Amino acid sequence: MKSIFVFVLSAALLFGCDQPLKPQEGYVQVTGGRIWYKVIGEGPGKPLMVMHGGPGGRSCGSIEAYQALANDRPIIFFDQLESGMSDHPNDTSLWKVPYFVEQVEALRKELNLKSFHLLGGSWGGSIAVEYMMTKNTDAIASVIFSGPLIGTPQWMKDSKVLISRLSQPVQDTINKYETLGEYTAPAYLAATDTFNINFGSRKKGPRTPAPECEGVPTSNRAIYNYMWGPTEFNATGTLRDFDRVPDLHKITTPTLFIGGEYDEVLPETLYYYQTLVPGSKVAIVPNAGHAKTRDNPEDYMKSLKEFLEEVESR
């Protein structure tokens, strides 16, 4: 009888504990459809959830780079609704920030995450900061803003600074067609290519498609244009008034701001954000633009690894 009691007690303790997050892939139902997710790695550290940029980007291109952290902890990727492997309902009524925050919460519940790190890159940073402002953050062990869109007005200021660092003919071309609102003119497109080569991804040579992206829909330009606009450095869509910079002081969770040396978010902007979040840290990835996982994945992952380990050692 005693042995049966011990067995039952042991089983209760086993199944009452949080089960380790294992590599897996699946879908979660959210408002408007299903979102696709993938978990890689099963190290002992707390899971890291990674949110892609856009709006309308996809996760597949960065999975290979994050393998560098997969021995330390599970890494969770998901494609936002209207992106990548997730459903594409093409419903503009869902193209609002709160619905994307809901997707994070739905995935957290699906995976039963009691404590995890949240990373938002570029537009993913908007979702991350909105989550921190509007949801219960008890489960957030740390938040990481990678080249983040935290406030569109600040992004516009940074873009103007970066444009001023280009040659005068390129500056004149961008300013001319921005004024005219002619975003498809060949000269304008060539000028924006120059901007992207300097501050988007600086890695030279042809881009080799990531194996994980085979069969995955490319970036969704419809939602990008609707929420942001026709070019990377000028917001004309629904995000033009998005601004959570004044609210950054409300974050009390361990925080890292990380960007490339030549990022679309200026290093000095990240240091400004640091002054607004008590105890936060900044890391600058050398020789990298906005696409840090492509330009310099080694130093980018090294900075993330150091921050995550420091947080978990507290």
Protein backbone atom coordinates (compact mmCIF):
# COMPACT_ATOMS: atom_id res chain seq x y z
CA MET A 1 0.00 0.00 0.00
CA LYS A 2 2.85 2.34 0.86
CA SER A 3 4.51 1.73 -2.52
CA ILE A 4 1.26 2.62 -4.31
CA PHE A 5 1.03 5.87 -2.33
CA VAL A 6 4.63 6.76 -3.23
CA PHE A 7 3.94 6.01 -6.91
CA VAL A 8 0.82 8.19 -6.95
CA LEU A 9 2.60 11.03 -5.15
CA SER A 10 5.54 10.86 -7.54
CA ALA A 11 3.23 10.92 -10.54
CA ALA A 12 1.36 13.93 -9.14
CA LEU A 13 4.60 15.80 -8.63
CA LEU A 14 5.82 14.87 -12.11
CA PHE A 15 2.72 15.93 -13.96
CA GLY A 16 2.18 18.98 -11.77
CA CYS A 17 5.55 20.42 -12.81
CA ASP A 18 6.08 22.44 -15.97
CA GLN A 19 7.15 20.10 -18.73
CA PRO A 20 10.26 21.13 -20.72
CA LEU A 21 9.47 22.76 -24.05
CA LYS A 22 10.41 20.37 -26.84
CA PRO A 23 11.12 21.07 -30.54
CA GLN A 24 7.80 21.14 -32.34
CA GLU A 25 5.79 22.85 -35.04
CA GLY A 26 2.12 23.66 -35.28
CA TYR A 27 -0.69 26.19 -35.50
CA VAL A 28 -2.61 28.23 -32.95
CA GLN A 29 -6.06 29.70 -33.51
CA VAL A 30 -6.30 33.48 -33.10
CA THR A 31 -8.82 36.09 -34.14
CA GLY A 32 -9.05 35.85 -37.92
CA GLY A 33 -7.27 32.54 -38.50
CA ARG A 34 -4.32 30.42 -37.44
CA ILE A 35 -0.73 31.41 -36.77
CA TRP A 36 2.15 29.01 -37.48
CA TYR A 37 4.89 28.48 -34.92
CA LYS A 38 8.08 26.46 -34.63
CA VAL A 39 10.25 25.61 -31.62
CA ILE A 40 13.92 24.66 -32.04
CA GLY A 41 16.37 23.63 -29.32
CA GLU A 42 15.70 22.24 -25.87
CA GLY A 43 18.51 23.56 -23.70
CA PRO A 44 18.02 24.24 -19.99
CA GLY A 45 17.55 28.01 -20.27
CA LYS A 46 14.23 29.82 -20.37
CA PRO A 47 12.60 29.92 -23.82
CA LEU A 48 13.16 32.88 -26.12
CA MET A 49 10.23 33.98 -28.31
CA VAL A 50 11.33 35.83 -31.46
CA MET A 51 8.98 38.16 -33.35
CA HIS A 52 9.81 39.05 -36.95
CA GLY A 53 9.62 42.45 -38.57
CA GLY A 54 7.41 43.83 -41.29
CA PRO A 55 4.50 44.22 -40.99
CA GLY A 56 4.22 41.25 -43.29
CA GLY A 57 7.68 39.73 -42.80
CA ARG A 58 8.37 36.10 -41.93
CA SER A 59 10.42 34.02 -39.50
CA CYS A 60 12.13 31.52 -41.77
CA GLY A 61 15.06 33.72 -42.77
CA SER A 62 16.40 34.03 -39.23
CA ILE A 63 15.94 30.46 -37.96
CA GLU A 64 19.42 29.35 -39.04
CA ALA A 65 21.11 32.23 -37.19
CA TYR A 66 19.28 31.47 -33.94
CA GLN A 67 20.52 27.87 -34.02
CA ALA A 68 23.55 29.32 -32.24
CA LEU A 69 21.39 29.70 -29.12
CA ALA A 70 19.45 26.45 -29.46
CA ASN A 71 21.83 24.47 -27.25
CA ASP A 72 21.14 26.92 -24.43
CA ARG A 73 17.35 27.15 -24.59
CA PRO A 74 14.25 26.60 -26.73
CA ILE A 75 13.79 29.27 -29.41
CA ILE A 76 10.21 29.99 -30.45
CA PHE A 77 9.38 31.49 -33.84
CA PHE A 78 5.98 32.36 -35.22
CA ASP A 79 4.64 34.01 -38.33
CA GLN A 80 2.16 36.73 -37.57
CA LEU A 81 -1.28 36.50 -39.15
CA GLU A 82 -1.02 37.58 -42.83
CA SER A 83 2.64 36.50 -42.88
CA GLY A 84 4.66 33.49 -43.96
CA MET A 85 3.14 30.11 -43.05
CA SER A 86 0.25 31.63 -41.10
CA ASP A 87 -3.20 32.25 -42.54
CA HIS A 88 -3.74 35.20 -44.87
CA PRO A 89 -7.36 36.33 -44.38
CA ASN A 90 -6.61 39.68 -46.06
CA ASP A 91 -8.89 41.41 -43.57
CA THR A 92 -7.79 45.01 -42.94
CA SER A 93 -9.96 45.18 -39.81
CA LEU A 94 -7.39 42.86 -38.19
CA TRP A 95 -4.40 44.97 -39.19
CA LYS A 96 -4.17 46.71 -35.83
CA VAL A 97 -1.47 46.47 -33.18
CA PRO A 98 -3.67 44.91 -30.44
CA TYR A 99 -4.47 41.91 -32.64
CA PHE A 100 -0.75 41.17 -33.03
CA VAL A 101 -0.29 41.42 -29.27
CA GLU A 102 -3.14 38.93 -28.91
CA GLN A 103 -1.20 36.49 -31.09
CA VAL A 104 1.75 36.56 -28.67
CA GLU A 105 -0.55 35.88 -25.76
CA ALA A 106 -2.31 33.04 -27.60
CA LEU A 107 1.01 31.36 -28.33
CA ARG A 108 2.19 31.85 -24.74
CA LYS A 109 -0.91 30.06 -23.50
CA GLU A 110 -0.68 27.31 -26.12
CA LEU A 111 2.91 26.50 -25.09
CA ASN A 112 2.16 26.99 -21.39
CA LEU A 113 5.03 29.44 -20.95
CA LYS A 114 5.43 30.40 -17.30
CA SER A 115 8.65 32.36 -17.79
CA PHE A 116 10.22 33.34 -21.10
CA HIS A 117 12.22 36.03 -22.87
CA LEU A 118 10.46 38.17 -25.49
CA LEU A 119 12.39 39.56 -28.48
CA GLY A 120 10.92 41.89 -31.08
CA GLY A 121 12.88 42.89 -34.15
CA SER A 122 12.01 46.05 -36.09
CA TRP A 123 8.17 46.06 -36.32
CA GLY A 124 8.29 43.13 -33.90
CA GLY A 125 9.59 45.67 -31.39
CA SER A 126 6.27 47.51 -31.70
CA ILE A 127 4.43 44.34 -30.73
CA ALA A 128 6.86 43.75 -27.86
CA VAL A 129 6.49 47.23 -26.38
CA GLU A 130 2.70 47.11 -26.79
CA TYR A 131 2.65 43.75 -25.01
CA MET A 132 4.65 45.24 -22.16
CA MET A 133 2.17 48.12 -21.88
CA THR A 134 -1.10 46.23 -22.18
CA LYS A 135 -0.64 42.66 -20.90
CA ASN A 136 0.30 41.00 -17.63
CA THR A 137 4.08 40.71 -17.88
CA ASP A 138 4.67 38.34 -14.95
CA ALA A 139 5.82 35.64 -17.39
CA ILE A 140 8.33 37.92 -19.15
CA ALA A 141 11.83 37.19 -17.84
CA SER A 142 13.29 39.90 -20.08
CA VAL A 143 12.39 41.92 -23.15
CA ILE A 144 14.76 42.55 -26.05
CA PHE A 145 14.21 45.31 -28.60
CA SER A 146 16.26 44.62 -31.74
CA GLY A 147 16.48 47.58 -34.13
CA PRO A 148 13.01 48.38 -32.82
CA LEU A 149 10.15 50.50 -34.07
CA ILE A 150 9.06 51.88 -30.70
CA GLY A 151 7.88 55.22 -32.00
CA THR A 152 7.29 56.24 -35.60
CA PRO A 153 8.22 59.91 -35.02
CA GLN A 154 11.64 58.85 -33.72
CA TRP A 155 12.06 56.42 -36.63
CA MET A 156 11.36 59.27 -39.04
CA LYS A 157 13.96 61.45 -37.33
CA ASP A 158 16.54 58.70 -37.61
CA SER A 159 15.69 58.17 -41.27
CA LYS A 160 16.28 61.82 -42.04
CA VAL A 161 19.70 61.62 -40.38
CA LEU A 162 20.59 58.51 -42.39
CA ILE A 163 19.41 60.02 -45.67
CA SER A 164 21.65 63.03 -44.97
CA ARG A 165 24.64 60.65 -44.90
CA LEU A 166 24.05 59.57 -48.49
CA SER A 167 25.42 61.39 -51.54
CA GLN A 168 23.71 64.64 -52.46
CA PRO A 169 22.21 63.27 -55.72
CA VAL A 170 20.64 60.35 -53.81
CA GLN A 171 19.29 62.71 -51.15
CA ASP A 172 17.84 65.00 -53.81
CA THR A 173 16.17 62.09 -55.60
CA ILE A 174 14.58 60.73 -52.44
CA ASN A 175 13.34 64.15 -51.33
CA LYS A 176 12.01 64.99 -54.81
CA TYR A 177 9.88 61.89 -55.22
CA GLU A 178 8.79 61.88 -51.59
CA THR A 179 7.40 65.37 -52.16
CA LEU A 180 5.70 64.26 -55.37
CA GLY A 181 4.41 61.06 -53.78
CA GLU A 182 5.75 59.08 -56.73
CA TYR A 183 7.08 55.97 -55.06
CA THR A 184 7.44 53.76 -58.13
CA ALA A 185 9.63 56.05 -60.26
CA PRO A 186 12.77 54.15 -61.36
CA ALA A 187 15.08 56.87 -60.04
CA TYR A 188 13.34 56.80 -56.66
CA LEU A 189 13.54 53.02 -56.44
CA ALA A 190 17.25 53.16 -57.25
CA ALA A 191 17.77 55.75 -54.51
CA THR A 192 15.90 53.64 -51.95
CA ASP A 193 18.07 50.67 -52.97
CA THR A 194 21.09 52.76 -52.07
CA PHE A 195 19.54 53.51 -48.69
CA ASN A 196 18.86 49.82 -48.08
CA ILE A 197 22.38 48.77 -49.08
CA ASN A 198 23.80 51.20 -46.53
CA PHE A 199 21.39 50.73 -43.65
CA GLY A 200 19.28 47.63 -44.36
CA SER A 201 21.66 44.78 -45.08
CA ARG A 202 25.29 45.68 -45.77
CA LYS A 203 26.41 42.16 -46.65
CA LYS A 204 27.65 42.13 -50.22
CA GLY A 205 26.89 39.49 -52.81
CA PRO A 206 23.71 37.73 -53.87
CA ARG A 207 21.33 36.60 -51.17
CA THR A 208 21.11 32.84 -50.87
CA PRO A 209 17.57 31.80 -49.95
CA ALA A 210 17.41 30.16 -46.53
CA PRO A 211 16.49 26.47 -46.78
CA GLU A 212 13.80 27.05 -44.13
CA CYS A 213 12.10 29.51 -46.51
CA GLU A 214 11.49 27.00 -49.28
CA GLY A 215 7.79 27.04 -50.05
CA VAL A 216 7.09 29.87 -47.60
CA PRO A 217 5.18 32.89 -48.99
CA THR A 218 7.34 35.98 -49.39
CA SER A 219 6.81 39.25 -47.55
CA ASN A 220 3.25 40.54 -47.64
CA ARG A 221 3.48 43.95 -49.29
CA ALA A 222 -0.25 44.64 -48.90
CA ILE A 223 -0.18 44.76 -45.10
CA TYR A 224 3.19 46.53 -45.15
CA ASN A 225 1.87 49.30 -47.38
CA TYR A 226 -1.37 49.58 -45.40
CA MET A 227 0.24 49.79 -41.97
CA TRP A 228 3.58 51.40 -42.84
CA GLY A 229 3.85 52.74 -46.39
CA PRO A 230 5.60 52.26 -49.72
CA THR A 231 9.16 52.83 -48.44
CA GLU A 232 11.12 51.81 -45.37
CA PHE A 233 11.97 55.30 -44.20
CA ASN A 234 8.67 57.14 -44.55
CA ALA A 235 5.48 56.07 -42.77
CA THR A 236 2.24 56.98 -44.52
CA GLY A 237 0.08 54.12 -43.21
CA THR A 238 -1.80 53.42 -40.01
CA LEU A 239 1.42 53.24 -37.95
CA ARG A 240 2.36 56.83 -38.73
CA ASP A 241 1.19 57.99 -35.29
CA PHE A 242 2.35 54.94 -33.33
CA ASP A 243 4.49 56.09 -30.41
CA ARG A 244 5.32 54.23 -27.20
CA VAL A 245 8.54 56.11 -26.47
CA PRO A 246 6.82 58.24 -23.78
CA ASP A 247 5.77 55.00 -22.04
CA LEU A 248 9.14 53.26 -21.92
CA HIS A 249 9.69 54.37 -18.33
CA LYS A 250 6.90 52.00 -17.29
CA ILE A 251 8.99 48.93 -18.14
CA THR A 252 10.55 47.35 -15.06
CA THR A 253 11.51 44.01 -16.64
CA PRO A 254 15.19 43.45 -17.55
CA THR A 255 15.59 45.09 -20.95
CA LEU A 256 18.11 45.06 -23.80
CA PHE A 257 18.18 47.45 -26.73
CA ILE A 258 20.31 46.03 -29.52
CA GLY A 259 21.07 47.40 -32.96
CA GLY A 260 23.58 47.35 -35.77
CA GLU A 261 26.39 49.85 -36.11
CA TYR A 262 24.68 51.11 -39.28
CA ASP A 263 21.12 50.23 -38.30
CA GLU A 264 18.04 52.15 -39.37
CA VAL A 265 17.62 52.80 -35.66
CA LEU A 266 20.61 54.96 -34.73
CA PRO A 267 22.85 53.77 -31.89
CA GLU A 268 22.31 57.12 -30.19
CA THR A 269 18.56 56.47 -30.28
CA LEU A 270 19.06 53.15 -28.49
CA TYR A 271 21.14 54.90 -25.84
CA TYR A 272 18.36 57.47 -25.48
CA TYR A 273 15.85 54.65 -24.96
CA GLN A 274 18.20 53.21 -22.35
CA THR A 275 17.88 56.40 -20.29
CA LEU A 276 14.11 55.88 -20.21
CA VAL A 277 14.15 52.28 -18.92
CA PRO A 278 15.82 51.95 -15.50
CA GLY A 279 18.61 49.37 -15.49
CA SER A 280 18.34 48.58 -19.19
CA LYS A 281 21.32 47.72 -21.40
CA VAL A 282 22.46 48.54 -24.93
CA ALA A 283 24.48 46.42 -27.35
CA ILE A 284 25.74 47.60 -30.75
CA VAL A 285 26.59 44.95 -33.34
CA PRO A 286 29.62 46.02 -35.41
CA ASN A 287 29.59 45.96 -39.21
CA ALA A 288 25.83 45.40 -39.34
CA GLY A 289 22.84 47.25 -40.67
CA HIS A 290 19.22 46.60 -39.78
CA ALA A 291 19.53 42.94 -40.88
CA LYS A 292 21.84 41.87 -38.09
CA THR A 293 21.21 38.13 -38.43
CA ARG A 294 22.46 38.39 -42.02
CA ASP A 295 25.26 40.95 -41.67
CA ASN A 296 26.93 39.77 -38.46
CA PRO A 297 25.07 36.88 -36.82
CA GLU A 298 28.07 35.88 -34.70
CA ASP A 299 28.34 39.14 -32.76
CA TYR A 300 24.57 39.54 -32.63
CA MET A 301 24.05 36.14 -31.05
CA LYS A 302 27.02 36.66 -28.72
CA SER A 303 25.37 39.80 -27.34
CA LEU A 304 22.02 38.05 -26.92
CA LYS A 305 23.63 35.06 -25.22
CA GLU A 306 25.50 37.27 -22.75
CA PHE A 307 22.38 39.24 -21.87
CA LEU A 308 20.15 36.18 -21.43
CA GLU A 309 22.71 34.42 -19.25
CA GLU A 310 23.20 37.54 -17.14
CA VAL A 311 19.44 37.86 -16.59
CA GLU A 312 19.10 34.21 -15.60
CA SER A 313 22.04 34.38 -13.21
CA ARG A 314 20.35 37.01 -11.05
